[in-house]
Amino acid sequence: ARATAALDRAIDVLMPRDRAASVY
């Protein structure tokens, strides 16, 4: 679970979600 959380954080840093597309 800790490794998965760390991987998820790393993916978010490397490939941020396009927040503008989700809002508009």
PDB file of all heavy atoms in Angstrom:
ATOM      1  N   ALA A   1       0.834  -1.205   0.000  1.00  0.00           N
ATOM      2  CA  ALA A   1       0.000   0.000   0.000  1.00  0.00           C
ATOM      3  C   ALA A   1       0.867   1.253   0.000  1.00  0.00           C
ATOM      4  O   ALA A   1       0.590   2.211  -0.732  1.00  0.00           O
ATOM      5  CB  ALA A   1      -0.937  -0.009   1.205  1.00  0.00           C
ATOM      6  N   ARG A   2       1.939   1.246   0.805  1.00  0.00           N
ATOM      7  CA  ARG A   2       2.851   2.395   0.824  1.00  0.00           C
ATOM      8  C   ARG A   2       3.550   2.558  -0.516  1.00  0.00           C
ATOM      9  O   ARG A   2       3.691   3.671  -1.029  1.00  0.00           O
ATOM     10  CB  ARG A   2       3.883   2.239   1.943  1.00  0.00           C
ATOM     11  CG  ARG A   2       3.342   2.571   3.310  1.00  0.00           C
ATOM     12  CD  ARG A   2       4.453   2.739   4.347  1.00  0.00           C
ATOM     13  NE  ARG A   2       5.346   1.606   4.434  1.00  0.00           N
ATOM     14  CZ  ARG A   2       5.177   0.566   5.238  1.00  0.00           C
ATOM     15  NH1 ARG A   2       4.137   0.521   6.039  1.00  0.00           N
ATOM     16  NH2 ARG A   2       6.030  -0.423   5.251  1.00  0.00           N
ATOM     17  N   ALA A   3       3.982   1.456  -1.115  1.00  0.00           N
ATOM     18  CA  ALA A   3       4.651   1.523  -2.415  1.00  0.00           C
ATOM     19  C   ALA A   3       3.692   2.028  -3.489  1.00  0.00           C
ATOM     20  O   ALA A   3       4.076   2.831  -4.347  1.00  0.00           O
ATOM     21  CB  ALA A   3       5.203   0.148  -2.791  1.00  0.00           C
ATOM     22  N   THR A   4       2.458   1.585  -3.436  1.00  0.00           N
ATOM     23  CA  THR A   4       1.462   2.031  -4.410  1.00  0.00           C
ATOM     24  C   THR A   4       1.202   3.529  -4.261  1.00  0.00           C
ATOM     25  O   THR A   4       1.119   4.257  -5.257  1.00  0.00           O
ATOM     26  CB  THR A   4       0.148   1.240  -4.235  1.00  0.00           C
ATOM     27  OG1 THR A   4       0.426  -0.144  -4.446  1.00  0.00           O
ATOM     28  CG2 THR A   4      -0.918   1.696  -5.208  1.00  0.00           C
ATOM     29  N   ALA A   5       1.080   3.997  -3.029  1.00  0.00           N
ATOM     30  CA  ALA A   5       0.861   5.423  -2.789  1.00  0.00           C
ATOM     31  C   ALA A   5       2.041   6.243  -3.299  1.00  0.00           C
ATOM     32  O   ALA A   5       1.858   7.303  -3.917  1.00  0.00           O
ATOM     33  CB  ALA A   5       0.618   5.683  -1.308  1.00  0.00           C
ATOM     34  N   ALA A   6       3.258   5.775  -3.053  1.00  0.00           N
ATOM     35  CA  ALA A   6       4.451   6.486  -3.529  1.00  0.00           C
ATOM     36  C   ALA A   6       4.479   6.511  -5.053  1.00  0.00           C
ATOM     37  O   ALA A   6       4.812   7.542  -5.661  1.00  0.00           O
ATOM     38  CB  ALA A   6       5.714   5.821  -2.979  1.00  0.00           C
ATOM     39  N   LEU A   7       4.126   5.411  -5.680  1.00  0.00           N
ATOM     40  CA  LEU A   7       4.093   5.350  -7.141  1.00  0.00           C
ATOM     41  C   LEU A   7       3.034   6.301  -7.687  1.00  0.00           C
ATOM     42  O   LEU A   7       3.273   7.020  -8.660  1.00  0.00           O
ATOM     43  CB  LEU A   7       3.820   3.915  -7.608  1.00  0.00           C
ATOM     44  CG  LEU A   7       3.736   3.708  -9.113  1.00  0.00           C
ATOM     45  CD1 LEU A   7       5.045   4.104  -9.786  1.00  0.00           C
ATOM     46  CD2 LEU A   7       3.402   2.260  -9.420  1.00  0.00           C
ATOM     47  N   ASP A   8       1.877   6.333  -7.061  1.00  0.00           N
ATOM     48  CA  ASP A   8       0.821   7.252  -7.497  1.00  0.00           C
ATOM     49  C   ASP A   8       1.273   8.704  -7.400  1.00  0.00           C
ATOM     50  O   ASP A   8       1.014   9.504  -8.302  1.00  0.00           O
ATOM     51  CB  ASP A   8      -0.448   7.047  -6.661  1.00  0.00           C
ATOM     52  CG  ASP A   8      -1.173   5.760  -7.002  1.00  0.00           C
ATOM     53  OD1 ASP A   8      -0.868   5.145  -8.057  1.00  0.00           O
ATOM     54  OD2 ASP A   8      -2.045   5.355  -6.202  1.00  0.00           O
ATOM     55  N   ARG A   9       1.980   9.052  -6.308  1.00  0.00           N
ATOM     56  CA  ARG A   9       2.485  10.423  -6.166  1.00  0.00           C
ATOM     57  C   ARG A   9       3.513  10.734  -7.250  1.00  0.00           C
ATOM     58  O   ARG A   9       3.505  11.821  -7.827  1.00  0.00           O
ATOM     59  CB  ARG A   9       3.084  10.636  -4.781  1.00  0.00           C
ATOM     60  CG  ARG A   9       2.041  10.748  -3.680  1.00  0.00           C
ATOM     61  CD  ARG A   9       2.656  11.200  -2.359  1.00  0.00           C
ATOM     62  NE  ARG A   9       3.713  10.344  -1.867  1.00  0.00           N
ATOM     63  CZ  ARG A   9       3.531   9.253  -1.124  1.00  0.00           C
ATOM     64  NH1 ARG A   9       2.316   8.880  -0.789  1.00  0.00           N
ATOM     65  NH2 ARG A   9       4.559   8.544  -0.716  1.00  0.00           N
ATOM     66  N   ALA A  10       4.391   9.775  -7.533  1.00  0.00           N
ATOM     67  CA  ALA A  10       5.404   9.993  -8.570  1.00  0.00           C
ATOM     68  C   ALA A  10       4.753  10.174  -9.937  1.00  0.00           C
ATOM     69  O   ALA A  10       5.160  11.045 -10.722  1.00  0.00           O
ATOM     70  CB  ALA A  10       6.382   8.817  -8.603  1.00  0.00           C
ATOM     71  N   ILE A  11       3.742   9.400 -10.221  1.00  0.00           N
ATOM     72  CA  ILE A  11       3.046   9.525 -11.507  1.00  0.00           C
ATOM     73  C   ILE A  11       2.359  10.885 -11.593  1.00  0.00           C
ATOM     74  O   ILE A  11       2.390  11.538 -12.640  1.00  0.00           O
ATOM     75  CB  ILE A  11       2.036   8.373 -11.691  1.00  0.00           C
ATOM     76  CG1 ILE A  11       2.800   7.076 -11.969  1.00  0.00           C
ATOM     77  CG2 ILE A  11       1.056   8.670 -12.819  1.00  0.00           C
ATOM     78  CD1 ILE A  11       1.933   5.832 -11.979  1.00  0.00           C
ATOM     79  N   ASP A  12       1.755  11.338 -10.502  1.00  0.00           N
ATOM     80  CA  ASP A  12       1.114  12.656 -10.496  1.00  0.00           C
ATOM     81  C   ASP A  12       2.119  13.771 -10.755  1.00  0.00           C
ATOM     82  O   ASP A  12       1.796  14.764 -11.409  1.00  0.00           O
ATOM     83  CB  ASP A  12       0.390  12.908  -9.172  1.00  0.00           C
ATOM     84  CG  ASP A  12      -0.918  12.149  -9.081  1.00  0.00           C
ATOM     85  OD1 ASP A  12      -1.433  11.679 -10.126  1.00  0.00           O
ATOM     86  OD2 ASP A  12      -1.441  12.012  -7.952  1.00  0.00           O
ATOM     87  N   VAL A  13       3.343  13.627 -10.234  1.00  0.00           N
ATOM     88  CA  VAL A  13       4.371  14.645 -10.461  1.00  0.00           C
ATOM     89  C   VAL A  13       4.856  14.600 -11.897  1.00  0.00           C
ATOM     90  O   VAL A  13       5.006  15.631 -12.558  1.00  0.00           O
ATOM     91  CB  VAL A  13       5.561  14.443  -9.492  1.00  0.00           C
ATOM     92  CG1 VAL A  13       6.756  15.280  -9.893  1.00  0.00           C
ATOM     93  CG2 VAL A  13       5.129  14.779  -8.069  1.00  0.00           C
ATOM     94  N   LEU A  14       5.073  13.395 -12.421  1.00  0.00           N
ATOM     95  CA  LEU A  14       5.598  13.251 -13.777  1.00  0.00           C
ATOM     96  C   LEU A  14       4.554  13.526 -14.852  1.00  0.00           C
ATOM     97  O   LEU A  14       4.885  14.024 -15.925  1.00  0.00           O
ATOM     98  CB  LEU A  14       6.171  11.839 -13.964  1.00  0.00           C
ATOM     99  CG  LEU A  14       7.383  11.507 -13.104  1.00  0.00           C
ATOM    100  CD1 LEU A  14       7.746  10.034 -13.248  1.00  0.00           C
ATOM    101  CD2 LEU A  14       8.565  12.392 -13.494  1.00  0.00           C
ATOM    102  N   MET A  15       3.314  13.178 -14.555  1.00  0.00           N
ATOM    103  CA  MET A  15       2.248  13.350 -15.542  1.00  0.00           C
ATOM    104  C   MET A  15       1.051  14.012 -14.863  1.00  0.00           C
ATOM    105  O   MET A  15       0.048  13.356 -14.567  1.00  0.00           O
ATOM    106  CB  MET A  15       1.840  11.991 -16.125  1.00  0.00           C
ATOM    107  CG  MET A  15       2.977  11.296 -16.808  1.00  0.00           C
ATOM    108  SD  MET A  15       2.684   9.662 -17.507  1.00  0.00           S
ATOM    109  CE  MET A  15       1.116   9.130 -16.973  1.00  0.00           C
ATOM    110  N   PRO A  16       1.154  15.330 -14.606  1.00  0.00           N
ATOM    111  CA  PRO A  16       0.050  15.989 -13.908  1.00  0.00           C
ATOM    112  C   PRO A  16      -1.227  15.920 -14.739  1.00  0.00           C
ATOM    113  O   PRO A  16      -1.188  15.941 -15.960  1.00  0.00           O
ATOM    114  CB  PRO A  16       0.531  17.425 -13.727  1.00  0.00           C
ATOM    115  CG  PRO A  16       1.693  17.591 -14.611  1.00  0.00           C
ATOM    116  CD  PRO A  16       2.218  16.241 -14.962  1.00  0.00           C
ATOM    117  N   ARG A  17      -2.323  15.855 -14.044  1.00  0.00           N
ATOM    118  CA  ARG A  17      -3.617  15.837 -14.723  1.00  0.00           C
ATOM    119  C   ARG A  17      -3.906  17.227 -15.264  1.00  0.00           C
ATOM    120  O   ARG A  17      -3.561  18.224 -14.649  1.00  0.00           O
ATOM    121  CB  ARG A  17      -4.706  15.419 -13.748  1.00  0.00           C
ATOM    122  CG  ARG A  17      -4.522  14.000 -13.293  1.00  0.00           C
ATOM    123  CD  ARG A  17      -5.705  13.579 -12.440  1.00  0.00           C
ATOM    124  NE  ARG A  17      -5.449  12.239 -11.948  1.00  0.00           N
ATOM    125  CZ  ARG A  17      -5.395  11.910 -10.677  1.00  0.00           C
ATOM    126  NH1 ARG A  17      -5.608  12.805  -9.755  1.00  0.00           N
ATOM    127  NH2 ARG A  17      -5.155  10.679 -10.312  1.00  0.00           N
ATOM    128  N   ASP A  18      -4.575  17.274 -16.377  1.00  0.00           N
ATOM    129  CA  ASP A  18      -4.958  18.545 -16.971  1.00  0.00           C
ATOM    130  C   ASP A  18      -6.190  19.051 -16.227  1.00  0.00           C
ATOM    131  O   ASP A  18      -7.314  18.694 -16.544  1.00  0.00           O
ATOM    132  CB  ASP A  18      -5.237  18.363 -18.463  1.00  0.00           C
ATOM    133  CG  ASP A  18      -5.486  19.683 -19.169  1.00  0.00           C
ATOM    134  OD1 ASP A  18      -5.327  20.746 -18.529  1.00  0.00           O
ATOM    135  OD2 ASP A  18      -5.845  19.658 -20.361  1.00  0.00           O
ATOM    136  N   ARG A  19      -5.945  19.850 -15.214  1.00  0.00           N
ATOM    137  CA  ARG A  19      -7.034  20.315 -14.351  1.00  0.00           C
ATOM    138  C   ARG A  19      -7.992  21.242 -15.104  1.00  0.00           C
ATOM    139  O   ARG A  19      -9.175  21.243 -14.840  1.00  0.00           O
ATOM    140  CB  ARG A  19      -6.474  21.003 -13.130  1.00  0.00           C
ATOM    141  CG  ARG A  19      -5.574  20.071 -12.326  1.00  0.00           C
ATOM    142  CD  ARG A  19      -5.653  20.358 -10.865  1.00  0.00           C
ATOM    143  NE  ARG A  19      -4.671  19.588 -10.148  1.00  0.00           N
ATOM    144  CZ  ARG A  19      -4.877  18.359  -9.675  1.00  0.00           C
ATOM    145  NH1 ARG A  19      -6.025  17.790  -9.868  1.00  0.00           N
ATOM    146  NH2 ARG A  19      -3.942  17.726  -9.025  1.00  0.00           N
ATOM    147  N   ALA A  20      -7.493  22.029 -16.056  1.00  0.00           N
ATOM    148  CA  ALA A  20      -8.368  22.928 -16.793  1.00  0.00           C
ATOM    149  C   ALA A  20      -9.407  22.146 -17.582  1.00  0.00           C
ATOM    150  O   ALA A  20     -10.562  22.534 -17.671  1.00  0.00           O
ATOM    151  CB  ALA A  20      -7.538  23.805 -17.729  1.00  0.00           C
ATOM    152  N   ALA A  21      -9.001  21.020 -18.148  1.00  0.00           N
ATOM    153  CA  ALA A  21      -9.941  20.219 -18.928  1.00  0.00           C
ATOM    154  C   ALA A  21     -11.033  19.639 -18.040  1.00  0.00           C
ATOM    155  O   ALA A  21     -12.174  19.518 -18.471  1.00  0.00           O
ATOM    156  CB  ALA A  21      -9.201  19.098 -19.655  1.00  0.00           C
ATOM    157  N   SER A  22     -10.693  19.310 -16.806  1.00  0.00           N
ATOM    158  CA  SER A  22     -11.712  18.722 -15.945  1.00  0.00           C
ATOM    159  C   SER A  22     -12.668  19.780 -15.397  1.00  0.00           C
ATOM    160  O   SER A  22     -13.810  19.494 -15.099  1.00  0.00           O
ATOM    161  CB  SER A  22     -11.061  17.948 -14.799  1.00  0.00           C
ATOM    162  OG  SER A  22     -10.352  18.836 -13.973  1.00  0.00           O
ATOM    163  N   VAL A  23     -12.217  21.044 -15.299  1.00  0.00           N
ATOM    164  CA  VAL A  23     -13.077  22.101 -14.805  1.00  0.00           C
ATOM    165  C   VAL A  23     -13.955  22.656 -15.924  1.00  0.00           C
ATOM    166  O   VAL A  23     -15.134  22.891 -15.760  1.00  0.00           O
ATOM    167  CB  VAL A  23     -12.233  23.240 -14.173  1.00  0.00           C
ATOM    168  CG1 VAL A  23     -13.105  24.423 -13.791  1.00  0.00           C
ATOM    169  CG2 VAL A  23     -11.484  22.713 -12.964  1.00  0.00           C
ATOM    170  N   TYR A  24     -13.351  22.844 -17.098  1.00  0.00           N
ATOM    171  CA  TYR A  24     -14.068  23.423 -18.223  1.00  0.00           C
ATOM    172  C   TYR A  24     -14.227  22.380 -19.322  1.00  0.00           C
ATOM    173  O   TYR A  24     -13.675  22.498 -20.400  1.00  0.00           O
ATOM    174  CB  TYR A  24     -13.306  24.629 -18.774  1.00  0.00           C
ATOM    175  CG  TYR A  24     -13.117  25.708 -17.749  1.00  0.00           C
ATOM    176  CD1 TYR A  24     -11.895  25.923 -17.145  1.00  0.00           C
ATOM    177  CD2 TYR A  24     -14.196  26.501 -17.372  1.00  0.00           C
ATOM    178  CE1 TYR A  24     -11.740  26.901 -16.182  1.00  0.00           C
ATOM    179  CE2 TYR A  24     -14.047  27.485 -16.418  1.00  0.00           C
ATOM    180  CZ  TYR A  24     -12.822  27.678 -15.825  1.00  0.00           C
ATOM    181  OH  TYR A  24     -12.678  28.645 -14.882  1.00  0.00           O
TER     182      TYR A  24
END
